C-alpha atoms as a PDB file:
ATOM      1  CA  MET A   1      87.104  98.345 117.362  1.00  0.00           C
ATOM      2  CA  LYS A   2      89.179  96.027 115.193  1.00  0.00           C
ATOM      3  CA  HIS A   3      90.696  92.877 116.635  1.00  0.00           C
ATOM      4  CA  LEU A   4      94.186  91.566 115.854  1.00  0.00           C
ATOM      5  CA  THR A   5      95.365  88.034 116.664  1.00  0.00           C
ATOM      6  CA  ILE A   6      98.915  87.549 117.966  1.00  0.00           C
ATOM      7  CA  ASN A   7     100.385  84.116 118.713  1.00  0.00           C
ATOM      8  CA  GLY A   8     102.828  83.630 121.578  1.00  0.00           C
ATOM      9  CA  GLN A   9     104.684  80.925 123.483  1.00  0.00           C
ATOM     10  CA  VAL A  10     105.203  80.826 127.244  1.00  0.00           C
ATOM     11  CA  ARG A  11     108.806  81.613 128.194  1.00  0.00           C
ATOM     12  CA  GLN A  12     110.969  81.034 131.239  1.00  0.00           C
ATOM     13  CA  THR A  13     111.812  83.964 133.481  1.00  0.00           C
ATOM     14  CA  GLY A  14     114.592  84.715 135.903  1.00  0.00           C
ATOM     15  CA  ARG A  15     117.772  84.551 133.826  1.00  0.00           C
ATOM     16  CA  LYS A  16     119.218  87.101 131.407  1.00  0.00           C
ATOM     17  CA  ALA A  17     120.533  84.290 129.208  1.00  0.00           C
ATOM     18  CA  ASP A  18     116.967  83.051 128.588  1.00  0.00           C
ATOM     19  CA  VAL A  19     115.806  86.510 127.496  1.00  0.00           C
ATOM     20  CA  LYS A  20     118.851  87.014 125.257  1.00  0.00           C
ATOM     21  CA  SER A  21     118.293  83.664 123.537  1.00  0.00           C
ATOM     22  CA  ILE A  22     114.650  84.633 122.860  1.00  0.00           C
ATOM     23  CA  ARG A  23     115.799  87.885 121.218  1.00  0.00           C
ATOM     24  CA  ARG A  24     118.407  86.024 119.126  1.00  0.00           C
ATOM     25  CA  GLU A  25     115.599  83.819 117.772  1.00  0.00           C
ATOM     26  CA  GLY A  26     113.849  86.941 116.433  1.00  0.00           C
ATOM     27  CA  LYS A  27     111.226  87.119 119.160  1.00  0.00           C
ATOM     28  CA  VAL A  28     110.138  89.811 121.594  1.00  0.00           C
ATOM     29  CA  PRO A  29     109.772  88.922 125.310  1.00  0.00           C
ATOM     30  CA  CYS A  30     106.375  90.076 126.608  1.00  0.00           C
ATOM     31  CA  VAL A  31     104.263  90.059 129.755  1.00  0.00           C
ATOM     32  CA  LEU A  32     100.483  89.877 130.072  1.00  0.00           C
ATOM     33  CA  TYR A  33      99.003  91.191 133.308  1.00  0.00           C
ATOM     34  CA  GLY A  34      95.766  92.648 134.559  1.00  0.00           C
ATOM     35  CA  GLN A  35      92.646  91.973 136.541  1.00  0.00           C
ATOM     36  CA  GLY A  36      91.630  88.326 136.600  1.00  0.00           C
ATOM     37  CA  VAL A  37      94.862  87.077 135.006  1.00  0.00           C
ATOM     38  CA  GLU A  38      98.046  85.926 136.670  1.00  0.00           C
ATOM     39  CA  ASN A  39     101.158  87.451 135.116  1.00  0.00           C
ATOM     40  CA  ILE A  40     102.130  85.441 132.048  1.00  0.00           C
ATOM     41  CA  SER A  41     105.595  85.774 130.519  1.00  0.00           C
ATOM     42  CA  PHE A  42     105.595  84.888 126.830  1.00  0.00           C
ATOM     43  CA  ALA A  43     107.364  85.650 123.556  1.00  0.00           C
ATOM     44  CA  VAL A  44     105.990  86.701 120.164  1.00  0.00           C
ATOM     45  CA  ASP A  45     107.603  86.817 116.730  1.00  0.00           C
ATOM     46  CA  ALA A  46     109.182  90.258 116.136  1.00  0.00           C
ATOM     47  CA  LYS A  47     107.685  90.569 112.628  1.00  0.00           C
ATOM     48  CA  GLU A  48     104.215  89.740 113.917  1.00  0.00           C
ATOM     49  CA  PHE A  49     104.703  92.240 116.766  1.00  0.00           C
ATOM     50  CA  MET A  50     105.351  95.013 114.210  1.00  0.00           C
ATOM     51  CA  ASN A  51     101.663  94.750 113.193  1.00  0.00           C
ATOM     52  CA  ILE A  52     100.927  96.483 116.519  1.00  0.00           C
ATOM     53  CA  THR A  53     103.763  98.996 116.774  1.00  0.00           C
ATOM     54  CA  HIS A  54     104.193 100.106 113.160  1.00  0.00           C
ATOM     55  CA  THR A  55     100.659 101.374 112.555  1.00  0.00           C
ATOM     56  CA  PRO A  56      98.681 104.374 113.774  1.00  0.00           C
ATOM     57  CA  ALA A  57      95.651 102.143 114.414  1.00  0.00           C
ATOM     58  CA  SER A  58      94.658 100.764 117.808  1.00  0.00           C
ATOM     59  CA  TYR A  59      93.439  97.208 118.294  1.00  0.00           C
ATOM     60  CA  ILE A  60      91.867  94.881 120.797  1.00  0.00           C
ATOM     61  CA  ILE A  61      94.422  92.076 120.726  1.00  0.00           C
ATOM     62  CA  ASP A  62      93.443  88.429 120.817  1.00  0.00           C
ATOM     63  CA  LEU A  63      96.540  86.847 122.385  1.00  0.00           C
ATOM     64  CA  VAL A  64      96.841  83.121 121.759  1.00  0.00           C
ATOM     65  CA  ILE A  65      99.453  81.828 124.201  1.00  0.00           C
ATOM     66  CA  ASP A  66     100.100  78.088 123.911  1.00  0.00           C
ATOM     67  CA  GLY A  67      96.551  77.505 122.685  1.00  0.00           C
ATOM     68  CA  LYS A  68      94.798  79.579 125.350  1.00  0.00           C
ATOM     69  CA  GLN A  69      93.166  82.858 124.258  1.00  0.00           C
ATOM     70  CA  TYR A  70      93.203  86.166 126.158  1.00  0.00           C
ATOM     71  CA  LEU A  71      91.726  89.582 125.345  1.00  0.00           C
ATOM     72  CA  ALA A  72      94.279  92.366 125.808  1.00  0.00           C
ATOM     73  CA  VAL A  73      95.331  95.860 124.796  1.00  0.00           C
ATOM     74  CA  PHE A  74      98.877  96.898 123.960  1.00  0.00           C
ATOM     75  CA  HIS A  75     100.223  98.816 126.953  1.00  0.00           C
ATOM     76  CA  ASP A  76     103.938  99.609 126.586  1.00  0.00           C
ATOM     77  CA  VAL A  77     107.099  98.734 124.683  1.00  0.00           C
ATOM     78  CA  GLN A  78     110.807  99.249 125.337  1.00  0.00           C
ATOM     79  CA  TYR A  79     113.220  99.723 122.433  1.00  0.00           C
ATOM     80  CA  HIS A  80     116.949  99.141 122.183  1.00  0.00           C
ATOM     81  CA  PRO A  81     118.626 102.595 122.225  1.00  0.00           C
ATOM     82  CA  LEU A  82     120.851 101.919 119.196  1.00  0.00           C
ATOM     83  CA  THR A  83     119.003  99.466 116.970  1.00  0.00           C
ATOM     84  CA  ASP A  84     115.399 100.548 117.724  1.00  0.00           C
ATOM     85  CA  GLU A  85     114.387  96.891 117.993  1.00  0.00           C
ATOM     86  CA  ALA A  86     111.649  96.045 120.494  1.00  0.00           C
ATOM     87  CA  ILE A  87     113.291  94.427 123.525  1.00  0.00           C
ATOM     88  CA  HIS A  88     110.234  94.057 125.792  1.00  0.00           C
ATOM     89  CA  ALA A  89     106.480  94.642 125.627  1.00  0.00           C
ATOM     90  CA  ASP A  90     103.590  94.762 128.086  1.00  0.00           C
ATOM     91  CA  PHE A  91      99.982  93.782 127.405  1.00  0.00           C
ATOM     92  CA  LEU A  92      97.044  94.556 129.688  1.00  0.00           C
ATOM     93  CA  ALA A  93      94.297  91.942 130.009  1.00  0.00           C
ATOM     94  CA  VAL A  94      90.766  93.286 129.490  1.00  0.00           C
ATOM     95  CA  SER A  95      87.228  91.918 129.454  1.00  0.00           C
ATOM     96  CA  ALA A  96      84.273  92.706 127.210  1.00  0.00           C
ATOM     97  CA  ASP A  97      81.975  93.631 130.110  1.00  0.00           C
ATOM     98  CA  LYS A  98      84.261  96.194 131.816  1.00  0.00           C
ATOM     99  CA  PRO A  99      85.373  99.629 130.537  1.00  0.00           C
ATOM    100  CA  ILE A 100      88.633  99.689 128.597  1.00  0.00           C
ATOM    101  CA  VAL A 101      91.068 102.627 128.504  1.00  0.00           C
ATOM    102  CA  ILE A 102      92.832 102.861 125.146  1.00  0.00           C
ATOM    103  CA  ASP A 103      94.463 105.438 122.835  1.00  0.00           C
ATOM    104  CA  VAL A 104      92.459 105.917 119.635  1.00  0.00           C
ATOM    105  CA  PRO A 105      93.746 107.724 116.513  1.00  0.00           C
ATOM    106  CA  LEU A 106      92.222 111.072 115.530  1.00  0.00           C
ATOM    107  CA  HIS A 107      90.925 111.711 112.017  1.00  0.00           C
ATOM    108  CA  ILE A 108      90.776 115.434 111.246  1.00  0.00           C
ATOM    109  CA  VAL A 109      88.411 116.385 108.406  1.00  0.00           C
ATOM    110  CA  GLY A 110      87.335 119.617 106.743  1.00  0.00           C
ATOM    111  CA  HIS A 111      89.039 122.738 105.413  1.00  0.00           C
ATOM    112  CA  ALA A 112      89.290 125.239 108.259  1.00  0.00           C
ATOM    113  CA  GLU A 113      88.034 128.807 107.810  1.00  0.00           C
ATOM    114  CA  GLY A 114      91.269 130.110 109.354  1.00  0.00           C
ATOM    115  CA  VAL A 115      93.369 128.264 106.766  1.00  0.00           C
ATOM    116  CA  LYS A 116      91.343 129.932 103.985  1.00  0.00           C
ATOM    117  CA  GLN A 117      92.276 133.270 105.597  1.00  0.00           C
ATOM    118  CA  GLY A 118      95.989 132.411 105.338  1.00  0.00           C
ATOM    119  CA  GLY A 119      96.536 130.688 108.697  1.00  0.00           C
ATOM    120  CA  LYS A 120      98.337 127.418 109.291  1.00  0.00           C
ATOM    121  CA  LEU A 121      96.811 124.280 110.804  1.00  0.00           C
ATOM    122  CA  VAL A 122      98.962 122.910 113.616  1.00  0.00           C
ATOM    123  CA  VAL A 123      98.048 119.410 114.800  1.00  0.00           C
ATOM    124  CA  SER A 124      99.360 118.726 118.315  1.00  0.00           C
ATOM    125  CA  ALA A 125      97.808 115.318 119.010  1.00  0.00           C
ATOM    126  CA  ARG A 126      97.423 112.261 116.818  1.00  0.00           C
ATOM    127  CA  LYS A 127      95.681 110.077 119.417  1.00  0.00           C
ATOM    128  CA  LEU A 128      93.188 110.595 122.213  1.00  0.00           C
ATOM    129  CA  ARG A 129      92.867 108.392 125.307  1.00  0.00           C
ATOM    130  CA  ILE A 130      89.287 107.230 125.822  1.00  0.00           C
ATOM    131  CA  CYS A 131      87.375 104.845 128.070  1.00  0.00           C
ATOM    132  CA  GLY A 132      84.384 102.724 127.168  1.00  0.00           C
ATOM    133  CA  LEU A 133      82.962  99.253 126.781  1.00  0.00           C
ATOM    134  CA  MET A 134      84.520  97.134 124.041  1.00  0.00           C
ATOM    135  CA  GLU A 135      81.425  97.259 121.818  1.00  0.00           C
ATOM    136  CA  ASN A 136      81.406 101.099 121.944  1.00  0.00           C
ATOM    137  CA  LEU A 137      85.085 101.686 121.133  1.00  0.00           C
ATOM    138  CA  PRO A 138      85.554 103.290 117.681  1.00  0.00           C
ATOM    139  CA  ASP A 139      88.416 102.582 115.260  1.00  0.00           C
ATOM    140  CA  ASP A 140      89.122 106.328 115.099  1.00  0.00           C
ATOM    141  CA  LEU A 141      87.636 109.620 116.277  1.00  0.00           C
ATOM    142  CA  THR A 142      86.595 112.113 113.590  1.00  0.00           C
ATOM    143  CA  ILE A 143      87.020 115.834 114.315  1.00  0.00           C
ATOM    144  CA  ASP A 144      85.544 118.376 111.895  1.00  0.00           C
ATOM    145  CA  ILE A 145      87.581 121.608 111.750  1.00  0.00           C
ATOM    146  CA  THR A 146      85.562 123.398 109.043  1.00  0.00           C
ATOM    147  CA  ASP A 147      84.394 126.201 111.400  1.00  0.00           C
ATOM    148  CA  LEU A 148      87.777 126.695 113.098  1.00  0.00           C
ATOM    149  CA  LYS A 149      88.797 130.342 112.676  1.00  0.00           C
ATOM    150  CA  LEU A 150      92.177 132.066 112.738  1.00  0.00           C
ATOM    151  CA  GLY A 151      93.700 132.067 116.236  1.00  0.00           C
ATOM    152  CA  LYS A 152      91.245 129.446 117.561  1.00  0.00           C
ATOM    153  CA  GLN A 153      92.001 125.965 118.848  1.00  0.00           C
ATOM    154  CA  ILE A 154      90.362 122.671 119.796  1.00  0.00           C
ATOM    155  CA  SER A 155      91.305 121.027 123.085  1.00  0.00           C
ATOM    156  CA  ALA A 156      90.243 117.650 124.482  1.00  0.00           C
ATOM    157  CA  GLY A 157      87.660 119.334 126.735  1.00  0.00           C
ATOM    158  CA  ASP A 158      85.860 120.726 123.657  1.00  0.00           C
ATOM    159  CA  LEU A 159      85.153 117.232 122.315  1.00  0.00           C
ATOM    160  CA  SER A 160      82.413 114.767 123.182  1.00  0.00           C
ATOM    161  CA  PHE A 161      81.458 111.443 121.650  1.00  0.00           C
ATOM    162  CA  GLU A 162      78.580 109.031 122.276  1.00  0.00           C
ATOM    163  CA  ASN A 163      79.016 106.091 124.667  1.00  0.00           C
ATOM    164  CA  ILE A 164      82.675 106.872 125.459  1.00  0.00           C
ATOM    165  CA  GLN A 165      84.447 109.076 127.964  1.00  0.00           C
ATOM    166  CA  ILE A 166      87.538 111.108 127.099  1.00  0.00           C
ATOM    167  CA  VAL A 167      90.323 110.385 129.601  1.00  0.00           C
ATOM    168  CA  THR A 168      92.908 112.758 128.091  1.00  0.00           C
ATOM    169  CA  HIS A 169      93.246 115.922 130.198  1.00  0.00           C
ATOM    170  CA  LYS A 170      90.719 118.592 129.184  1.00  0.00           C
ATOM    171  CA  THR A 171      93.420 121.203 128.492  1.00  0.00           C
ATOM    172  CA  ALA A 172      95.373 118.970 126.086  1.00  0.00           C
ATOM    173  CA  LEU A 173      95.619 120.758 122.735  1.00  0.00           C
ATOM    174  CA  ILE A 174      94.373 118.795 119.726  1.00  0.00           C
ATOM    175  CA  CYS A 175      94.804 121.350 116.915  1.00  0.00           C
ATOM    176  CA  ALA A 176      94.947 125.097 116.342  1.00  0.00           C
ATOM    177  CA  ILE A 177      94.999 127.642 113.528  1.00  0.00           C
ATOM    178  CA  LYS A 178      98.101 129.818 113.900  1.00  0.00           C
ATOM    179  CA  ALA A 179      98.558 133.222 112.274  1.00  0.00           C
ATOM    180  CA  THR A 180     101.139 133.498 109.512  1.00  0.00           C
ATOM    181  CA  ARG A 181     102.699 136.456 107.673  1.00  0.00           C
ATOM    182  CA  ASN A 182     100.154 136.018 104.889  1.00  0.00           C
ATOM    183  CA  SER A 183      97.229 136.137 107.310  1.00  0.00           C
ATOM    184  CA  ALA A 184      98.666 139.243 109.047  1.00  0.00           C
ATOM    185  CA  ALA A 185      99.112 141.016 105.688  1.00  0.00           C
ATOM    186  CA  ALA A 186      95.553 140.112 104.648  1.00  0.00           C
ATOM    187  CA  ALA A 187      94.192 141.468 107.933  1.00  0.00           C
ATOM    188  CA  LYS A 188      95.933 144.834 107.406  1.00  0.00           C
ATOM    189  CA  GLU A 189      94.389 145.326 103.948  1.00  0.00           C
END
């Protein structure tokens, strides 16, 4: 999996005025927590933070906070309800020798048999939550839909990949081929 380096500075906690001044400077207040790491409150540049939030890709993040480096994954973000600016973010500390749970983008390939018959491809999920060691985590998961027929679907339980475990619930729908008027008319003929 790709790595992305984000630089941060330790920030003070406890007062709203401190957090507001950080946001006025164009920074996002963040917290790093997890096993083996004490909670660290820090701030990152808002433009640099967009490299994480404004992409479909998932990354292992190399956080550099006041010169000290931590391995982390992006966990959660809160947005302002009117301006859609990030107002707070959480990062989860990870290690290379323990399994990591992360959302990985799906890459759907192929021209489905059901689409050739007049059906419509409906994609319900763009990411899949997986668990695995850092060296086994892929940048994306490829799903071939060439043999998918009209009225059929692929759920998370139908998928399997080497060296990783799928954490998403087995019944979660990934994609399906739905019948359309054209496919119903072709079936009648």
